[in-house]
């Protein structure tokens, strides 16, 4: 939402978080962090990680393969979400189109697949990257929920929050 839209919006309508967030410095910082994490992880898995995995025992190698696949999936979800949000911020796509993209690449919470003792046997750098991507993924899930809560209901021009505000105002005779 640009400054003109903010200045001339109806004061009773809440400021949509999603539109303001994707155009903020906070989003640009998140975008750089997320894409940097993608690059950093790819470099690790293609280089030092490959060498470290060869030194692992059979069970640890299976855990490494499983966790690196989960790590890659998590990073693909992060990168996809970030790229869609940047496209919205730059006006390349609408929020409606972003929702359609969201339905194609679902952000899903991932449960632990391996026992903590199996994770402990992994190389330190892989464990660090798993932790960093898990935290980044949780942030993205939270932000996605906040942005989704802002979007109008299909067939409605008001957000669910605006609808609730309206119901509260009418209940107290403040229409």
N, C-alpha and C. Protein backbone atom coordinates (compact mmCIF):
# COMPACT_ATOMS: atom_id res chain seq x y z
N UNK A 1 0.86 -1.16 0.00
CA UNK A 1 0.00 0.00 0.00
C UNK A 1 0.91 1.22 0.00
N UNK A 2 0.74 2.11 -0.97
CA UNK A 2 1.59 3.29 -1.05
C UNK A 2 1.05 4.39 -0.13
N UNK A 3 1.82 5.48 -0.03
CA UNK A 3 1.44 6.57 0.88
C UNK A 3 0.10 7.18 0.53
N UNK A 4 -0.16 7.35 -0.77
CA UNK A 4 -1.44 7.95 -1.20
C UNK A 4 -2.61 7.08 -0.76
N UNK A 5 -2.48 5.76 -0.92
CA UNK A 5 -3.55 4.85 -0.50
C UNK A 5 -3.76 4.92 1.00
N UNK A 6 -2.67 5.04 1.76
CA UNK A 6 -2.79 5.14 3.21
C UNK A 6 -3.46 6.45 3.62
N UNK A 7 -3.14 7.54 2.91
CA UNK A 7 -3.70 8.85 3.26
C UNK A 7 -5.19 8.92 2.96
N UNK A 8 -5.65 8.27 1.89
CA UNK A 8 -7.04 8.41 1.47
C UNK A 8 -7.91 7.21 1.77
N UNK A 9 -7.43 6.31 2.61
CA UNK A 9 -8.23 5.14 2.96
C UNK A 9 -9.27 5.53 4.01
N UNK A 10 -10.31 4.73 4.09
CA UNK A 10 -11.36 4.95 5.09
C UNK A 10 -10.76 4.66 6.46
N UNK A 11 -10.85 5.60 7.39
CA UNK A 11 -10.26 5.47 8.72
C UNK A 11 -10.82 4.28 9.50
N UNK A 12 -12.02 3.84 9.16
CA UNK A 12 -12.60 2.72 9.90
C UNK A 12 -12.03 1.38 9.45
N UNK A 13 -11.38 1.37 8.29
CA UNK A 13 -10.78 0.12 7.80
C UNK A 13 -9.37 -0.02 8.38
N UNK A 14 -9.02 -1.21 8.84
CA UNK A 14 -7.67 -1.42 9.35
C UNK A 14 -6.65 -1.38 8.20
N UNK A 15 -5.42 -1.01 8.53
CA UNK A 15 -4.35 -1.01 7.53
C UNK A 15 -3.99 -2.47 7.25
N UNK A 16 -4.03 -2.89 5.98
CA UNK A 16 -3.72 -4.28 5.68
C UNK A 16 -2.23 -4.59 5.90
N UNK A 17 -1.95 -5.51 6.79
CA UNK A 17 -0.57 -5.87 7.13
C UNK A 17 0.19 -6.36 5.91
N UNK A 18 -0.42 -7.25 5.14
CA UNK A 18 0.27 -7.86 4.01
C UNK A 18 0.79 -6.85 3.02
N UNK A 19 -0.06 -5.90 2.62
CA UNK A 19 0.36 -4.91 1.63
C UNK A 19 1.47 -4.02 2.17
N UNK A 20 1.40 -3.66 3.43
CA UNK A 20 2.44 -2.80 3.98
C UNK A 20 3.71 -3.59 4.27
N UNK A 21 3.58 -4.84 4.71
CA UNK A 21 4.76 -5.63 5.04
C UNK A 21 5.62 -5.92 3.83
N UNK A 22 5.02 -6.37 2.74
CA UNK A 22 5.83 -6.77 1.58
C UNK A 22 6.54 -5.60 0.93
N UNK A 23 6.16 -4.38 1.29
CA UNK A 23 6.84 -3.21 0.75
C UNK A 23 7.77 -2.56 1.77
N UNK A 24 7.99 -3.25 2.87
CA UNK A 24 8.78 -2.68 3.97
C UNK A 24 10.25 -3.12 3.92
N UNK A 25 11.07 -2.39 4.68
CA UNK A 25 12.47 -2.78 4.84
C UNK A 25 12.58 -4.13 5.54
N UNK A 26 11.65 -4.40 6.45
CA UNK A 26 11.66 -5.69 7.16
C UNK A 26 11.51 -6.84 6.18
N UNK A 27 10.63 -6.68 5.19
CA UNK A 27 10.48 -7.74 4.20
C UNK A 27 11.74 -7.87 3.34
N UNK A 28 12.31 -6.75 2.94
CA UNK A 28 13.53 -6.81 2.11
C UNK A 28 14.65 -7.51 2.88
N UNK A 29 14.73 -7.26 4.18
CA UNK A 29 15.74 -7.93 5.01
C UNK A 29 15.45 -9.43 5.09
N UNK A 30 14.19 -9.77 5.32
CA UNK A 30 13.79 -11.18 5.36
C UNK A 30 14.09 -11.87 4.03
N UNK A 31 13.81 -11.19 2.93
CA UNK A 31 14.06 -11.74 1.61
C UNK A 31 15.56 -12.05 1.43
N UNK A 32 16.41 -11.09 1.79
CA UNK A 32 17.86 -11.30 1.67
C UNK A 32 18.32 -12.45 2.56
N UNK A 33 17.81 -12.49 3.79
CA UNK A 33 18.19 -13.58 4.70
C UNK A 33 17.77 -14.93 4.15
N UNK A 34 16.53 -15.01 3.70
CA UNK A 34 16.00 -16.27 3.19
C UNK A 34 16.73 -16.76 1.96
N UNK A 35 16.94 -15.87 1.00
CA UNK A 35 17.63 -16.28 -0.22
C UNK A 35 19.10 -16.57 0.06
N UNK A 36 19.69 -15.83 1.00
CA UNK A 36 21.07 -16.12 1.41
C UNK A 36 21.18 -17.50 2.03
N UNK A 37 20.18 -17.86 2.81
CA UNK A 37 20.16 -19.19 3.44
C UNK A 37 20.03 -20.28 2.39
N UNK A 38 19.25 -20.02 1.35
CA UNK A 38 19.13 -20.98 0.24
C UNK A 38 20.50 -21.19 -0.41
N UNK A 39 21.18 -20.09 -0.73
CA UNK A 39 22.50 -20.19 -1.37
C UNK A 39 23.53 -20.86 -0.47
N UNK A 40 23.53 -20.47 0.79
CA UNK A 40 24.47 -21.03 1.76
C UNK A 40 24.28 -22.54 1.91
N UNK A 41 23.04 -22.96 1.99
CA UNK A 41 22.74 -24.39 2.14
C UNK A 41 23.12 -25.16 0.89
N UNK A 42 22.80 -24.62 -0.28
CA UNK A 42 23.16 -25.29 -1.53
C UNK A 42 24.67 -25.46 -1.63
N UNK A 43 25.42 -24.42 -1.27
CA UNK A 43 26.88 -24.50 -1.32
C UNK A 43 27.39 -25.57 -0.35
N UNK A 44 26.80 -25.63 0.83
CA UNK A 44 27.22 -26.64 1.81
C UNK A 44 26.91 -28.05 1.30
N UNK A 45 25.68 -28.27 0.86
CA UNK A 45 25.29 -29.62 0.44
C UNK A 45 26.07 -30.09 -0.78
N UNK A 46 26.43 -29.17 -1.67
CA UNK A 46 27.20 -29.54 -2.86
C UNK A 46 28.69 -29.68 -2.60
N UNK A 47 29.18 -29.13 -1.52
CA UNK A 47 30.62 -29.14 -1.24
C UNK A 47 30.95 -29.88 0.03
N UNK A 48 31.19 -29.14 1.11
CA UNK A 48 31.62 -29.77 2.36
C UNK A 48 30.63 -30.81 2.89
N UNK A 49 29.35 -30.59 2.69
CA UNK A 49 28.36 -31.55 3.17
C UNK A 49 28.48 -32.90 2.50
N UNK A 50 28.74 -32.87 1.21
CA UNK A 50 28.92 -34.12 0.46
C UNK A 50 30.11 -34.89 1.02
N UNK A 51 31.20 -34.18 1.28
CA UNK A 51 32.40 -34.83 1.83
C UNK A 51 32.13 -35.37 3.23
N UNK A 52 31.45 -34.58 4.06
CA UNK A 52 31.15 -35.02 5.42
C UNK A 52 30.23 -36.24 5.43
N UNK A 53 29.29 -36.29 4.49
CA UNK A 53 28.34 -37.41 4.47
C UNK A 53 29.03 -38.73 4.13
N UNK A 54 30.09 -38.66 3.37
CA UNK A 54 30.83 -39.89 3.00
C UNK A 54 31.54 -40.52 4.19
N UNK A 55 31.79 -39.74 5.20
CA UNK A 55 32.51 -40.22 6.39
C UNK A 55 31.58 -40.81 7.44
N UNK A 56 30.27 -40.70 7.21
CA UNK A 56 29.30 -41.16 8.21
C UNK A 56 29.06 -42.66 8.11
N UNK A 57 28.65 -43.24 9.25
CA UNK A 57 28.25 -44.64 9.26
C UNK A 57 26.92 -44.82 8.53
N UNK A 58 26.50 -46.07 8.39
CA UNK A 58 25.29 -46.36 7.61
C UNK A 58 24.05 -45.64 8.12
N UNK A 59 23.74 -45.75 9.42
CA UNK A 59 22.54 -45.13 9.97
C UNK A 59 22.63 -43.60 9.88
N UNK A 60 23.79 -43.05 10.21
CA UNK A 60 23.97 -41.60 10.14
C UNK A 60 23.85 -41.11 8.69
N UNK A 61 24.33 -41.90 7.73
CA UNK A 61 24.23 -41.52 6.32
C UNK A 61 22.76 -41.50 5.87
N UNK A 62 21.97 -42.47 6.36
CA UNK A 62 20.54 -42.47 6.05
C UNK A 62 19.84 -41.26 6.67
N UNK A 63 20.21 -40.93 7.91
CA UNK A 63 19.64 -39.75 8.56
C UNK A 63 20.06 -38.49 7.81
N UNK A 64 21.31 -38.44 7.38
CA UNK A 64 21.81 -37.29 6.61
C UNK A 64 20.98 -37.13 5.33
N UNK A 65 20.77 -38.21 4.61
CA UNK A 65 19.99 -38.15 3.36
C UNK A 65 18.57 -37.68 3.63
N UNK A 66 17.94 -38.22 4.67
CA UNK A 66 16.58 -37.85 5.02
C UNK A 66 16.49 -36.38 5.42
N UNK A 67 17.38 -35.95 6.28
CA UNK A 67 17.35 -34.57 6.77
C UNK A 67 17.73 -33.57 5.68
N UNK A 68 18.64 -33.94 4.79
CA UNK A 68 19.00 -33.00 3.72
C UNK A 68 17.84 -32.85 2.73
N UNK A 69 17.07 -33.90 2.51
CA UNK A 69 15.88 -33.79 1.66
C UNK A 69 14.83 -32.91 2.32
N UNK A 70 14.62 -33.08 3.61
CA UNK A 70 13.66 -32.24 4.34
C UNK A 70 14.13 -30.79 4.34
N UNK A 71 15.43 -30.59 4.50
CA UNK A 71 16.01 -29.25 4.47
C UNK A 71 15.78 -28.59 3.11
N UNK A 72 15.99 -29.33 2.06
CA UNK A 72 15.80 -28.81 0.70
C UNK A 72 14.33 -28.47 0.46
N UNK A 73 13.42 -29.31 0.91
CA UNK A 73 11.99 -29.05 0.77
C UNK A 73 11.60 -27.77 1.51
N UNK A 74 12.09 -27.63 2.73
CA UNK A 74 11.80 -26.44 3.53
C UNK A 74 12.32 -25.19 2.83
N UNK A 75 13.52 -25.27 2.29
CA UNK A 75 14.10 -24.11 1.59
C UNK A 75 13.34 -23.78 0.31
N UNK A 76 12.86 -24.78 -0.39
CA UNK A 76 12.06 -24.52 -1.60
C UNK A 76 10.77 -23.80 -1.23
N UNK A 77 10.15 -24.19 -0.14
CA UNK A 77 8.93 -23.52 0.32
C UNK A 77 9.24 -22.07 0.70
N UNK A 78 10.34 -21.86 1.41
CA UNK A 78 10.74 -20.51 1.81
C UNK A 78 10.99 -19.64 0.59
N UNK A 79 11.80 -20.15 -0.34
CA UNK A 79 12.15 -19.37 -1.53
C UNK A 79 10.90 -19.06 -2.37
N UNK A 80 10.03 -20.03 -2.53
CA UNK A 80 8.80 -19.81 -3.31
C UNK A 80 7.95 -18.73 -2.68
N UNK A 81 7.76 -18.80 -1.37
CA UNK A 81 6.95 -17.80 -0.67
C UNK A 81 7.58 -16.41 -0.81
N UNK A 82 8.88 -16.32 -0.59
CA UNK A 82 9.56 -15.03 -0.69
C UNK A 82 9.44 -14.43 -2.09
N UNK A 83 9.62 -15.26 -3.10
CA UNK A 83 9.54 -14.77 -4.48
C UNK A 83 8.13 -14.31 -4.84
N UNK A 84 7.13 -15.04 -4.37
CA UNK A 84 5.73 -14.61 -4.63
C UNK A 84 5.45 -13.30 -3.93
N UNK A 85 5.88 -13.15 -2.68
CA UNK A 85 5.63 -11.92 -1.95
C UNK A 85 6.37 -10.74 -2.58
N UNK A 86 7.58 -10.99 -3.06
CA UNK A 86 8.31 -9.91 -3.73
C UNK A 86 7.60 -9.50 -5.01
N UNK A 87 7.05 -10.47 -5.74
CA UNK A 87 6.30 -10.16 -6.96
C UNK A 87 5.08 -9.30 -6.64
N UNK A 88 4.42 -9.56 -5.51
CA UNK A 88 3.29 -8.73 -5.08
C UNK A 88 3.78 -7.32 -4.77
N UNK A 89 4.88 -7.23 -4.03
CA UNK A 89 5.43 -5.93 -3.64
C UNK A 89 5.80 -5.09 -4.85
N UNK A 90 6.31 -5.75 -5.89
CA UNK A 90 6.76 -5.02 -7.08
C UNK A 90 5.65 -4.84 -8.10
N UNK A 91 4.44 -5.28 -7.76
CA UNK A 91 3.30 -5.09 -8.65
C UNK A 91 3.28 -6.03 -9.85
N UNK A 92 4.08 -7.07 -9.82
CA UNK A 92 4.12 -8.03 -10.92
C UNK A 92 2.90 -8.94 -10.92
N UNK A 93 2.38 -9.22 -9.71
CA UNK A 93 1.16 -10.02 -9.59
C UNK A 93 0.27 -9.39 -8.52
N UNK A 94 -1.00 -9.75 -8.56
CA UNK A 94 -1.96 -9.24 -7.58
C UNK A 94 -1.98 -10.17 -6.37
N UNK A 95 -2.63 -9.73 -5.31
CA UNK A 95 -2.76 -10.60 -4.13
C UNK A 95 -3.61 -11.82 -4.47
N UNK A 96 -4.56 -11.68 -5.38
CA UNK A 96 -5.37 -12.82 -5.81
C UNK A 96 -4.49 -13.86 -6.51
N UNK A 97 -3.61 -13.38 -7.38
CA UNK A 97 -2.70 -14.29 -8.07
C UNK A 97 -1.74 -14.94 -7.06
N UNK A 98 -1.33 -14.17 -6.07
CA UNK A 98 -0.45 -14.71 -5.03
C UNK A 98 -1.14 -15.84 -4.27
N UNK A 99 -2.43 -15.68 -4.01
CA UNK A 99 -3.19 -16.74 -3.33
C UNK A 99 -3.25 -18.00 -4.19
N UNK A 100 -3.38 -17.83 -5.50
CA UNK A 100 -3.40 -18.99 -6.40
C UNK A 100 -2.05 -19.70 -6.36
N UNK A 101 -0.97 -18.92 -6.35
CA UNK A 101 0.37 -19.50 -6.25
C UNK A 101 0.54 -20.22 -4.91
N UNK A 102 0.00 -19.62 -3.86
CA UNK A 102 0.09 -20.21 -2.53
C UNK A 102 -0.56 -21.59 -2.50
N UNK A 103 -1.65 -21.74 -3.25
CA UNK A 103 -2.33 -23.03 -3.28
C UNK A 103 -1.53 -24.07 -4.05
N UNK A 104 -0.62 -23.64 -4.92
CA UNK A 104 0.20 -24.60 -5.66
C UNK A 104 1.42 -25.04 -4.86
N UNK A 105 2.01 -24.12 -4.12
CA UNK A 105 3.17 -24.45 -3.29
C UNK A 105 2.77 -24.22 -1.84
N UNK A 106 2.36 -25.26 -1.19
CA UNK A 106 1.85 -25.13 0.18
C UNK A 106 2.98 -25.06 1.19
N UNK A 107 2.82 -24.12 2.11
CA UNK A 107 3.72 -24.05 3.25
C UNK A 107 3.18 -25.03 4.28
N UNK A 108 3.98 -25.99 4.64
CA UNK A 108 3.52 -26.98 5.61
C UNK A 108 4.51 -27.09 6.75
N UNK A 109 3.98 -27.20 7.94
CA UNK A 109 4.83 -27.45 9.11
C UNK A 109 5.36 -28.87 9.02
N UNK A 110 6.62 -29.03 9.35
CA UNK A 110 7.23 -30.36 9.27
C UNK A 110 7.52 -30.88 10.67
N UNK A 111 7.09 -32.09 10.87
CA UNK A 111 7.37 -32.75 12.15
C UNK A 111 8.74 -33.44 12.06
N UNK A 112 9.35 -33.66 13.21
CA UNK A 112 10.63 -34.35 13.24
C UNK A 112 10.48 -35.77 12.70
N UNK A 113 11.38 -36.15 11.82
CA UNK A 113 11.32 -37.48 11.22
C UNK A 113 12.32 -38.44 11.85
N UNK A 114 13.32 -37.88 12.49
CA UNK A 114 14.36 -38.72 13.08
C UNK A 114 14.48 -38.43 14.57
N UNK A 115 14.94 -39.42 15.28
CA UNK A 115 15.13 -39.28 16.73
C UNK A 115 16.26 -38.29 17.01
N UNK A 116 16.18 -37.58 18.13
CA UNK A 116 17.25 -36.63 18.48
C UNK A 116 18.64 -37.29 18.51
N UNK A 117 18.72 -38.54 18.92
CA UNK A 117 20.02 -39.21 18.95
C UNK A 117 20.58 -39.40 17.54
N UNK A 118 19.69 -39.60 16.57
CA UNK A 118 20.14 -39.74 15.18
C UNK A 118 20.60 -38.39 14.63
N UNK A 119 19.90 -37.32 15.00
CA UNK A 119 20.27 -35.97 14.57
C UNK A 119 21.62 -35.59 15.16
N UNK A 120 21.88 -36.00 16.41
CA UNK A 120 23.15 -35.68 17.06
C UNK A 120 24.35 -36.23 16.30
N UNK A 121 24.17 -37.31 15.54
CA UNK A 121 25.26 -37.93 14.80
C UNK A 121 25.59 -37.18 13.50
N UNK A 122 24.78 -36.20 13.15
CA UNK A 122 25.00 -35.45 11.90
C UNK A 122 26.11 -34.43 12.06
N UNK A 123 26.71 -34.02 10.95
CA UNK A 123 27.74 -32.97 11.01
C UNK A 123 27.17 -31.68 11.61
N UNK A 124 28.00 -30.96 12.34
CA UNK A 124 27.57 -29.73 13.02
C UNK A 124 26.97 -28.71 12.06
N UNK A 125 27.59 -28.51 10.91
CA UNK A 125 27.10 -27.49 9.98
C UNK A 125 25.71 -27.84 9.47
N UNK A 126 25.44 -29.11 9.22
CA UNK A 126 24.11 -29.52 8.78
C UNK A 126 23.09 -29.26 9.88
N UNK A 127 23.45 -29.56 11.12
CA UNK A 127 22.54 -29.29 12.24
C UNK A 127 22.26 -27.79 12.37
N UNK A 128 23.29 -26.97 12.16
CA UNK A 128 23.09 -25.51 12.20
C UNK A 128 22.12 -25.07 11.11
N UNK A 129 22.31 -25.57 9.90
CA UNK A 129 21.44 -25.19 8.78
C UNK A 129 20.01 -25.68 9.01
N UNK A 130 19.85 -26.84 9.59
CA UNK A 130 18.51 -27.35 9.91
C UNK A 130 17.84 -26.39 10.89
N UNK A 131 18.57 -25.97 11.91
CA UNK A 131 18.02 -25.04 12.90
C UNK A 131 17.66 -23.69 12.28
N UNK A 132 18.56 -23.15 11.46
CA UNK A 132 18.31 -21.85 10.82
C UNK A 132 17.10 -21.91 9.89
N UNK A 133 17.00 -22.98 9.10
CA UNK A 133 15.88 -23.07 8.16
C UNK A 133 14.57 -23.36 8.88
N UNK A 134 14.63 -24.09 9.96
CA UNK A 134 13.42 -24.37 10.73
C UNK A 134 12.87 -23.07 11.32
N UNK A 135 13.76 -22.24 11.86
CA UNK A 135 13.32 -20.95 12.42
C UNK A 135 12.80 -20.02 11.32
N UNK A 136 13.49 -19.98 10.19
CA UNK A 136 13.05 -19.14 9.07
C UNK A 136 11.68 -19.61 8.58
N UNK A 137 11.51 -20.91 8.47
CA UNK A 137 10.25 -21.49 8.01
C UNK A 137 9.11 -21.13 8.97
N UNK A 138 9.38 -21.19 10.26
CA UNK A 138 8.36 -20.83 11.26
C UNK A 138 7.98 -19.35 11.13
N UNK A 139 8.96 -18.49 10.90
CA UNK A 139 8.67 -17.06 10.69
C UNK A 139 7.79 -16.86 9.46
N UNK A 140 8.12 -17.56 8.39
CA UNK A 140 7.37 -17.44 7.14
C UNK A 140 5.94 -17.94 7.34
N UNK A 141 5.77 -19.06 8.03
CA UNK A 141 4.43 -19.58 8.30
C UNK A 141 3.61 -18.54 9.08
N UNK A 142 4.23 -17.91 10.07
CA UNK A 142 3.54 -16.90 10.87
C UNK A 142 3.16 -15.69 10.01
N UNK A 143 4.09 -15.20 9.23
CA UNK A 143 3.83 -14.05 8.36
C UNK A 143 2.76 -14.38 7.32
N UNK A 144 2.82 -15.58 6.79
CA UNK A 144 1.83 -15.99 5.79
C UNK A 144 0.43 -15.98 6.40
N UNK A 145 0.32 -16.42 7.64
CA UNK A 145 -0.97 -16.41 8.32
C UNK A 145 -1.47 -14.98 8.52
N UNK A 146 -0.57 -14.09 8.93
CA UNK A 146 -0.94 -12.68 9.12
C UNK A 146 -1.41 -12.05 7.80
N UNK A 147 -0.69 -12.35 6.73
CA UNK A 147 -1.06 -11.81 5.42
C UNK A 147 -2.37 -12.40 4.96
N UNK A 148 -2.55 -13.69 5.14
CA UNK A 148 -3.80 -14.35 4.73
C UNK A 148 -5.00 -13.82 5.50
N UNK A 149 -4.81 -13.49 6.77
CA UNK A 149 -5.89 -12.94 7.59
C UNK A 149 -6.35 -11.59 7.07
N UNK A 150 -5.46 -10.88 6.36
CA UNK A 150 -5.78 -9.56 5.81
C UNK A 150 -6.64 -9.62 4.55
N UNK A 151 -6.57 -10.73 3.85
CA UNK A 151 -7.22 -10.80 2.53
C UNK A 151 -8.73 -10.85 2.66
N UNK A 152 -9.44 -10.20 1.74
CA UNK A 152 -10.91 -10.22 1.80
C UNK A 152 -11.45 -11.61 1.55
N UNK A 153 -12.60 -11.86 2.12
CA UNK A 153 -13.29 -13.11 1.86
C UNK A 153 -13.75 -13.12 0.41
N UNK A 154 -13.79 -14.29 -0.25
CA UNK A 154 -14.28 -14.33 -1.61
C UNK A 154 -15.68 -13.72 -1.69
N UNK A 155 -15.89 -12.84 -2.65
CA UNK A 155 -17.19 -12.20 -2.81
C UNK A 155 -17.43 -11.06 -1.85
N UNK A 156 -16.45 -10.73 -1.04
CA UNK A 156 -16.59 -9.65 -0.07
C UNK A 156 -15.50 -8.62 -0.32
N UNK A 157 -15.80 -7.37 -0.07
CA UNK A 157 -14.77 -6.36 -0.24
C UNK A 157 -14.09 -6.03 1.09
N UNK A 158 -14.51 -6.67 2.17
CA UNK A 158 -13.93 -6.41 3.48
C UNK A 158 -13.14 -7.62 3.96
N UNK A 159 -12.15 -7.34 4.76
CA UNK A 159 -11.37 -8.42 5.35
C UNK A 159 -12.16 -9.03 6.50
N UNK A 160 -11.80 -10.23 6.94
CA UNK A 160 -12.48 -10.84 8.09
C UNK A 160 -12.36 -9.96 9.34
N UNK A 161 -11.25 -9.26 9.49
CA UNK A 161 -11.06 -8.39 10.64
C UNK A 161 -12.04 -7.22 10.57
N UNK A 162 -12.19 -6.63 9.38
CA UNK A 162 -13.13 -5.51 9.21
C UNK A 162 -14.55 -5.97 9.51
N UNK A 163 -14.87 -7.18 9.09
CA UNK A 163 -16.20 -7.73 9.37
C UNK A 163 -16.41 -7.84 10.88
N UNK A 164 -15.42 -8.35 11.60
CA UNK A 164 -15.53 -8.47 13.05
C UNK A 164 -15.65 -7.10 13.71
N UNK A 165 -14.88 -6.12 13.24
CA UNK A 165 -14.98 -4.76 13.78
C UNK A 165 -16.39 -4.21 13.58
N UNK A 166 -16.94 -4.45 12.40
CA UNK A 166 -18.28 -3.98 12.08
C UNK A 166 -19.31 -4.61 13.01
N UNK A 167 -19.18 -5.92 13.24
CA UNK A 167 -20.11 -6.62 14.13
C UNK A 167 -20.02 -6.07 15.57
N UNK A 168 -18.82 -5.80 16.01
CA UNK A 168 -18.63 -5.26 17.37
C UNK A 168 -19.24 -3.87 17.46
N UNK A 169 -18.97 -3.02 16.45
CA UNK A 169 -19.53 -1.66 16.46
C UNK A 169 -21.05 -1.70 16.46
N UNK A 170 -21.63 -2.60 15.65
CA UNK A 170 -23.09 -2.65 15.61
C UNK A 170 -23.66 -3.20 16.92
N UNK A 171 -22.97 -4.10 17.57
CA UNK A 171 -23.44 -4.64 18.84
C UNK A 171 -23.48 -3.56 19.92
N UNK A 172 -22.61 -2.58 19.84
CA UNK A 172 -22.56 -1.51 20.81
C UNK A 172 -23.21 -0.22 20.29
N UNK A 173 -23.94 -0.34 19.17
CA UNK A 173 -24.67 0.80 18.63
C UNK A 173 -23.79 1.90 18.10
N UNK A 174 -22.63 1.55 17.60
CA UNK A 174 -21.68 2.56 17.10
C UNK A 174 -21.61 2.56 15.58
N UNK A 175 -22.61 2.11 14.89
CA UNK A 175 -22.61 2.07 13.42
C UNK A 175 -22.56 3.43 12.83
